[in-house]
């Protein structure tokens, strides 16, 4: 099996795109999670073929993508099916994706910021909540609406134990003079800090 796995790993970086795609399906089905396979799938994300990139994302979703998180995250800004698969992989990566997502956010356009916020809300870590709160303070009203929904979802995704330290952050945020005047924040106050809401990119 070792010799077969090594041969498959070499084929992942070959020049024949059809052979590469077939090999991706095989290594994914066999669950070959070597560092070499993961990095080969990551490199495939930089290529022009959308079909190849989607197949690589499907493989990373099953085999793990933490080692190539920096290669996956920019794809959430792409349109269509590619974005959906990339978003699923990013959420599966979980907290290790927070840092790269936060770096991507400031230079993204309006729609890019929406999808980054959506990714953070679905990860649902305490760090995600903190970032969304800080972003809510500086973004324009149209984006604040989406950030508010994402913030609700992020808090909902925390366990009760994880939520305990978050309430202090939310209370401080709601007490800020700027926030008291903000309609979206007032809506959050009136509904409590744990409404169930669904954010979409």
C-alpha atoms as a PDB file:
ATOM      1  CA  UNK A   1       0.000   0.000   0.000  1.00  0.00           C
ATOM      2  CA  UNK A   2       2.901   2.370   0.737  1.00  0.00           C
ATOM      3  CA  UNK A   3       4.223   2.064  -2.815  1.00  0.00           C
ATOM      4  CA  UNK A   4       0.730   2.583  -4.227  1.00  0.00           C
ATOM      5  CA  UNK A   5       0.191   5.630  -2.004  1.00  0.00           C
ATOM      6  CA  UNK A   6       3.486   7.161  -3.136  1.00  0.00           C
ATOM      7  CA  UNK A   7       2.577   6.623  -6.762  1.00  0.00           C
ATOM      8  CA  UNK A   8      -0.802   8.255  -6.219  1.00  0.00           C
ATOM      9  CA  UNK A   9       0.862  11.193  -4.474  1.00  0.00           C
ATOM     10  CA  UNK A  10       3.120  11.735  -7.507  1.00  0.00           C
ATOM     11  CA  UNK A  11       0.145  11.648  -9.855  1.00  0.00           C
ATOM     12  CA  UNK A  12      -1.563  14.447  -7.943  1.00  0.00           C
ATOM     13  CA  UNK A  13       1.040  16.876  -9.282  1.00  0.00           C
ATOM     14  CA  UNK A  14       1.186  15.497 -12.825  1.00  0.00           C
ATOM     15  CA  UNK A  15       0.401  17.364 -16.025  1.00  0.00           C
ATOM     16  CA  UNK A  16      -2.656  15.372 -17.098  1.00  0.00           C
ATOM     17  CA  UNK A  17      -5.651  17.076 -15.498  1.00  0.00           C
ATOM     18  CA  UNK A  18      -8.017  14.129 -16.012  1.00  0.00           C
ATOM     19  CA  UNK A  19      -5.533  11.763 -14.364  1.00  0.00           C
ATOM     20  CA  UNK A  20      -5.067  14.222 -11.501  1.00  0.00           C
ATOM     21  CA  UNK A  21      -8.805  14.465 -10.925  1.00  0.00           C
ATOM     22  CA  UNK A  22      -9.170  10.690 -10.983  1.00  0.00           C
ATOM     23  CA  UNK A  23      -6.300  10.420  -8.499  1.00  0.00           C
ATOM     24  CA  UNK A  24      -7.943  12.972  -6.203  1.00  0.00           C
ATOM     25  CA  UNK A  25     -11.062  10.823  -6.111  1.00  0.00           C
ATOM     26  CA  UNK A  26      -9.014   7.729  -5.287  1.00  0.00           C
ATOM     27  CA  UNK A  27      -6.918   9.270  -2.481  1.00  0.00           C
ATOM     28  CA  UNK A  28     -10.062  10.810  -1.000  1.00  0.00           C
ATOM     29  CA  UNK A  29     -11.956   7.509  -1.132  1.00  0.00           C
ATOM     30  CA  UNK A  30      -8.986   5.690   0.438  1.00  0.00           C
ATOM     31  CA  UNK A  31      -8.596   8.371   3.107  1.00  0.00           C
ATOM     32  CA  UNK A  32      -4.896   8.958   2.404  1.00  0.00           C
ATOM     33  CA  UNK A  33      -4.161  11.914   4.692  1.00  0.00           C
ATOM     34  CA  UNK A  34      -0.420  12.305   4.251  1.00  0.00           C
ATOM     35  CA  UNK A  35       1.137  15.753   4.362  1.00  0.00           C
ATOM     36  CA  UNK A  36       2.126  15.318   0.725  1.00  0.00           C
ATOM     37  CA  UNK A  37      -1.469  14.649  -0.355  1.00  0.00           C
ATOM     38  CA  UNK A  38      -2.878  17.576   1.611  1.00  0.00           C
ATOM     39  CA  UNK A  39      -0.313  19.978   0.173  1.00  0.00           C
ATOM     40  CA  UNK A  40      -0.871  18.679  -3.373  1.00  0.00           C
ATOM     41  CA  UNK A  41      -4.595  19.331  -2.989  1.00  0.00           C
ATOM     42  CA  UNK A  42      -3.778  22.777  -1.634  1.00  0.00           C
ATOM     43  CA  UNK A  43      -1.604  23.588  -4.648  1.00  0.00           C
ATOM     44  CA  UNK A  44      -4.445  22.511  -6.953  1.00  0.00           C
ATOM     45  CA  UNK A  45      -6.548  25.354  -5.508  1.00  0.00           C
ATOM     46  CA  UNK A  46      -4.310  27.849  -7.337  1.00  0.00           C
ATOM     47  CA  UNK A  47      -5.001  26.439 -10.785  1.00  0.00           C
ATOM     48  CA  UNK A  48      -7.393  27.738 -13.436  1.00  0.00           C
ATOM     49  CA  UNK A  49      -9.704  24.731 -13.694  1.00  0.00           C
ATOM     50  CA  UNK A  50     -12.752  25.263 -11.485  1.00  0.00           C
ATOM     51  CA  UNK A  51     -13.613  21.553 -11.634  1.00  0.00           C
ATOM     52  CA  UNK A  52     -10.136  20.667 -10.378  1.00  0.00           C
ATOM     53  CA  UNK A  53     -10.353  23.212  -7.557  1.00  0.00           C
ATOM     54  CA  UNK A  54     -13.809  22.027  -6.472  1.00  0.00           C
ATOM     55  CA  UNK A  55     -12.616  18.415  -6.430  1.00  0.00           C
ATOM     56  CA  UNK A  56      -9.574  19.456  -4.382  1.00  0.00           C
ATOM     57  CA  UNK A  57     -11.863  21.225  -1.896  1.00  0.00           C
ATOM     58  CA  UNK A  58     -14.031  18.127  -1.603  1.00  0.00           C
ATOM     59  CA  UNK A  59     -10.905  16.118  -0.866  1.00  0.00           C
ATOM     60  CA  UNK A  60      -9.709  18.599   1.732  1.00  0.00           C
ATOM     61  CA  UNK A  61     -13.141  18.572   3.339  1.00  0.00           C
ATOM     62  CA  UNK A  62     -12.806  14.840   3.937  1.00  0.00           C
ATOM     63  CA  UNK A  63      -9.071  14.556   4.601  1.00  0.00           C
ATOM     64  CA  UNK A  64      -8.465  17.770   6.577  1.00  0.00           C
ATOM     65  CA  UNK A  65      -7.251  21.167   5.483  1.00  0.00           C
ATOM     66  CA  UNK A  66      -5.675  22.850   8.509  1.00  0.00           C
ATOM     67  CA  UNK A  67      -2.191  22.697   6.952  1.00  0.00           C
ATOM     68  CA  UNK A  68      -3.381  24.575   3.837  1.00  0.00           C
ATOM     69  CA  UNK A  69      -5.884  26.950   5.434  1.00  0.00           C
ATOM     70  CA  UNK A  70      -4.137  29.985   3.880  1.00  0.00           C
ATOM     71  CA  UNK A  71      -4.759  28.517   0.404  1.00  0.00           C
ATOM     72  CA  UNK A  72      -8.421  27.711   1.051  1.00  0.00           C
ATOM     73  CA  UNK A  73      -9.621  30.940   2.639  1.00  0.00           C
ATOM     74  CA  UNK A  74      -9.237  33.298  -0.382  1.00  0.00           C
ATOM     75  CA  UNK A  75     -11.617  31.042  -2.317  1.00  0.00           C
ATOM     76  CA  UNK A  76     -14.554  32.100  -0.152  1.00  0.00           C
ATOM     77  CA  UNK A  77     -14.444  35.342  -2.148  1.00  0.00           C
ATOM     78  CA  UNK A  78     -14.989  33.455  -5.411  1.00  0.00           C
ATOM     79  CA  UNK A  79     -18.501  33.230  -6.906  1.00  0.00           C
ATOM     80  CA  UNK A  80     -20.839  30.288  -7.034  1.00  0.00           C
ATOM     81  CA  UNK A  81     -20.120  26.668  -6.218  1.00  0.00           C
ATOM     82  CA  UNK A  82     -16.452  27.285  -5.523  1.00  0.00           C
ATOM     83  CA  UNK A  83     -17.371  29.656  -2.686  1.00  0.00           C
ATOM     84  CA  UNK A  84     -19.809  27.206  -1.139  1.00  0.00           C
ATOM     85  CA  UNK A  85     -17.268  24.388  -1.058  1.00  0.00           C
ATOM     86  CA  UNK A  86     -14.530  26.672   0.248  1.00  0.00           C
ATOM     87  CA  UNK A  87     -16.848  28.006   2.951  1.00  0.00           C
ATOM     88  CA  UNK A  88     -17.681  24.466   4.051  1.00  0.00           C
ATOM     89  CA  UNK A  89     -13.977  23.601   4.308  1.00  0.00           C
ATOM     90  CA  UNK A  90     -13.204  26.777   6.271  1.00  0.00           C
ATOM     91  CA  UNK A  91     -15.996  26.057   8.761  1.00  0.00           C
ATOM     92  CA  UNK A  92     -14.737  22.475   9.110  1.00  0.00           C
ATOM     93  CA  UNK A  93     -11.237  23.792   9.866  1.00  0.00           C
ATOM     94  CA  UNK A  94     -12.750  25.778  12.727  1.00  0.00           C
ATOM     95  CA  UNK A  95     -10.784  28.075  15.030  1.00  0.00           C
ATOM     96  CA  UNK A  96      -7.451  27.819  13.146  1.00  0.00           C
ATOM     97  CA  UNK A  97      -9.224  29.688  10.317  1.00  0.00           C
ATOM     98  CA  UNK A  98     -10.014  32.719  12.486  1.00  0.00           C
ATOM     99  CA  UNK A  99      -6.669  34.473  12.056  1.00  0.00           C
ATOM    100  CA  UNK A 100      -6.548  34.230   8.241  1.00  0.00           C
ATOM    101  CA  UNK A 101     -10.210  35.263   7.999  1.00  0.00           C
ATOM    102  CA  UNK A 102      -9.546  38.342  10.126  1.00  0.00           C
ATOM    103  CA  UNK A 103      -6.623  39.266   7.854  1.00  0.00           C
ATOM    104  CA  UNK A 104      -8.798  38.869   4.759  1.00  0.00           C
ATOM    105  CA  UNK A 105     -11.650  41.025   6.083  1.00  0.00           C
ATOM    106  CA  UNK A 106     -10.196  44.595   5.965  1.00  0.00           C
ATOM    107  CA  UNK A 107      -9.320  44.524   2.255  1.00  0.00           C
ATOM    108  CA  UNK A 108     -12.440  42.675   1.090  1.00  0.00           C
ATOM    109  CA  UNK A 109     -15.279  44.505  -0.652  1.00  0.00           C
ATOM    110  CA  UNK A 110     -18.813  44.712   0.765  1.00  0.00           C
ATOM    111  CA  UNK A 111     -19.796  41.240  -0.431  1.00  0.00           C
ATOM    112  CA  UNK A 112     -16.451  39.797   0.615  1.00  0.00           C
ATOM    113  CA  UNK A 113     -16.884  41.139   4.133  1.00  0.00           C
ATOM    114  CA  UNK A 114     -20.331  39.564   4.288  1.00  0.00           C
ATOM    115  CA  UNK A 115     -19.006  36.117   3.437  1.00  0.00           C
ATOM    116  CA  UNK A 116     -16.048  36.448   5.839  1.00  0.00           C
ATOM    117  CA  UNK A 117     -18.502  37.395   8.602  1.00  0.00           C
ATOM    118  CA  UNK A 118     -20.666  34.410   7.663  1.00  0.00           C
ATOM    119  CA  UNK A 119     -17.665  32.083   7.920  1.00  0.00           C
ATOM    120  CA  UNK A 120     -16.782  33.477  11.343  1.00  0.00           C
ATOM    121  CA  UNK A 121     -20.347  33.092  12.574  1.00  0.00           C
ATOM    122  CA  UNK A 122     -20.491  29.451  11.479  1.00  0.00           C
ATOM    123  CA  UNK A 123     -17.189  28.696  13.195  1.00  0.00           C
ATOM    124  CA  UNK A 124     -18.787  30.116  16.325  1.00  0.00           C
ATOM    125  CA  UNK A 125     -15.699  30.596  18.486  1.00  0.00           C
ATOM    126  CA  UNK A 126     -15.373  33.228  21.221  1.00  0.00           C
ATOM    127  CA  UNK A 127     -12.734  34.915  19.068  1.00  0.00           C
ATOM    128  CA  UNK A 128     -15.274  35.129  16.227  1.00  0.00           C
ATOM    129  CA  UNK A 129     -17.740  36.927  18.501  1.00  0.00           C
ATOM    130  CA  UNK A 130     -15.083  39.394  19.604  1.00  0.00           C
ATOM    131  CA  UNK A 131     -14.094  40.177  16.009  1.00  0.00           C
ATOM    132  CA  UNK A 132     -17.700  40.618  14.889  1.00  0.00           C
ATOM    133  CA  UNK A 133     -18.399  42.982  17.790  1.00  0.00           C
ATOM    134  CA  UNK A 134     -15.393  45.135  16.919  1.00  0.00           C
ATOM    135  CA  UNK A 135     -16.346  45.160  13.227  1.00  0.00           C
ATOM    136  CA  UNK A 136     -19.909  46.168  14.054  1.00  0.00           C
ATOM    137  CA  UNK A 137     -18.580  49.393  15.583  1.00  0.00           C
ATOM    138  CA  UNK A 138     -16.853  50.637  12.434  1.00  0.00           C
ATOM    139  CA  UNK A 139     -18.900  49.366   9.498  1.00  0.00           C
ATOM    140  CA  UNK A 140     -21.716  51.239   7.697  1.00  0.00           C
ATOM    141  CA  UNK A 141     -25.347  50.527   8.474  1.00  0.00           C
ATOM    142  CA  UNK A 142     -25.956  48.195   5.499  1.00  0.00           C
ATOM    143  CA  UNK A 143     -23.139  45.922   6.593  1.00  0.00           C
ATOM    144  CA  UNK A 144     -24.076  46.227  10.271  1.00  0.00           C
ATOM    145  CA  UNK A 145     -27.342  44.442   9.524  1.00  0.00           C
ATOM    146  CA  UNK A 146     -25.521  41.368   8.294  1.00  0.00           C
ATOM    147  CA  UNK A 147     -22.909  41.543  11.047  1.00  0.00           C
ATOM    148  CA  UNK A 148     -25.699  41.613  13.653  1.00  0.00           C
ATOM    149  CA  UNK A 149     -27.202  38.437  12.236  1.00  0.00           C
ATOM    150  CA  UNK A 150     -23.771  36.804  12.123  1.00  0.00           C
ATOM    151  CA  UNK A 151     -23.103  37.823  15.711  1.00  0.00           C
ATOM    152  CA  UNK A 152     -26.361  36.190  16.828  1.00  0.00           C
ATOM    153  CA  UNK A 153     -25.471  32.995  14.989  1.00  0.00           C
ATOM    154  CA  UNK A 154     -21.924  32.945  16.378  1.00  0.00           C
ATOM    155  CA  UNK A 155     -23.251  33.224  19.953  1.00  0.00           C
ATOM    156  CA  UNK A 156     -25.855  30.540  19.273  1.00  0.00           C
ATOM    157  CA  UNK A 157     -23.105  28.207  18.065  1.00  0.00           C
ATOM    158  CA  UNK A 158     -21.249  28.440  21.387  1.00  0.00           C
ATOM    159  CA  UNK A 159     -21.924  25.929  24.141  1.00  0.00           C
ATOM    160  CA  UNK A 160     -23.467  27.347  27.364  1.00  0.00           C
ATOM    161  CA  UNK A 161     -20.068  27.093  29.028  1.00  0.00           C
ATOM    162  CA  UNK A 162     -18.397  29.004  26.181  1.00  0.00           C
ATOM    163  CA  UNK A 163     -21.108  31.663  26.291  1.00  0.00           C
ATOM    164  CA  UNK A 164     -20.425  32.688  29.888  1.00  0.00           C
ATOM    165  CA  UNK A 165     -17.365  34.898  29.192  1.00  0.00           C
ATOM    166  CA  UNK A 166     -19.051  36.265  26.058  1.00  0.00           C
ATOM    167  CA  UNK A 167     -21.868  37.942  27.974  1.00  0.00           C
ATOM    168  CA  UNK A 168     -19.352  40.349  29.537  1.00  0.00           C
ATOM    169  CA  UNK A 169     -18.084  41.339  26.090  1.00  0.00           C
ATOM    170  CA  UNK A 170     -21.626  41.862  24.807  1.00  0.00           C
ATOM    171  CA  UNK A 171     -22.660  43.934  27.838  1.00  0.00           C
ATOM    172  CA  UNK A 172     -19.639  46.229  27.433  1.00  0.00           C
ATOM    173  CA  UNK A 173     -20.403  46.575  23.750  1.00  0.00           C
ATOM    174  CA  UNK A 174     -24.053  47.465  24.356  1.00  0.00           C
ATOM    175  CA  UNK A 175     -23.026  50.080  26.943  1.00  0.00           C
ATOM    176  CA  UNK A 176     -20.886  52.063  24.470  1.00  0.00           C
ATOM    177  CA  UNK A 177     -22.425  55.479  23.626  1.00  0.00           C
ATOM    178  CA  UNK A 178     -22.105  54.873  19.885  1.00  0.00           C
ATOM    179  CA  UNK A 179     -23.865  51.545  20.172  1.00  0.00           C
ATOM    180  CA  UNK A 180     -26.769  52.926  22.182  1.00  0.00           C
ATOM    181  CA  UNK A 181     -27.653  55.102  19.212  1.00  0.00           C
ATOM    182  CA  UNK A 182     -27.369  52.293  16.695  1.00  0.00           C
ATOM    183  CA  UNK A 183     -30.641  50.748  15.517  1.00  0.00           C
ATOM    184  CA  UNK A 184     -29.205  47.312  14.880  1.00  0.00           C
ATOM    185  CA  UNK A 185     -27.693  47.152  18.335  1.00  0.00           C
ATOM    186  CA  UNK A 186     -30.959  48.276  19.897  1.00  0.00           C
ATOM    187  CA  UNK A 187     -32.692  45.465  18.032  1.00  0.00           C
ATOM    188  CA  UNK A 188     -30.196  43.020  19.481  1.00  0.00           C
ATOM    189  CA  UNK A 189     -30.866  44.378  22.982  1.00  0.00           C
ATOM    190  CA  UNK A 190     -34.583  43.973  22.606  1.00  0.00           C
ATOM    191  CA  UNK A 191     -34.238  40.350  21.434  1.00  0.00           C
ATOM    192  CA  UNK A 192     -31.569  39.377  23.951  1.00  0.00           C
ATOM    193  CA  UNK A 193     -28.093  38.192  23.057  1.00  0.00           C
ATOM    194  CA  UNK A 194     -29.017  34.645  22.078  1.00  0.00           C
ATOM    195  CA  UNK A 195     -31.611  34.809  19.282  1.00  0.00           C
ATOM    196  CA  UNK A 196     -31.486  32.107  16.658  1.00  0.00           C
ATOM    197  CA  UNK A 197     -30.766  33.590  13.266  1.00  0.00           C
ATOM    198  CA  UNK A 198     -29.254  32.359  10.040  1.00  0.00           C
ATOM    199  CA  UNK A 199     -26.579  34.355   8.196  1.00  0.00           C
ATOM    200  CA  UNK A 200     -26.140  33.861   4.461  1.00  0.00           C
ATOM    201  CA  UNK A 201     -23.210  35.026   2.350  1.00  0.00           C
END
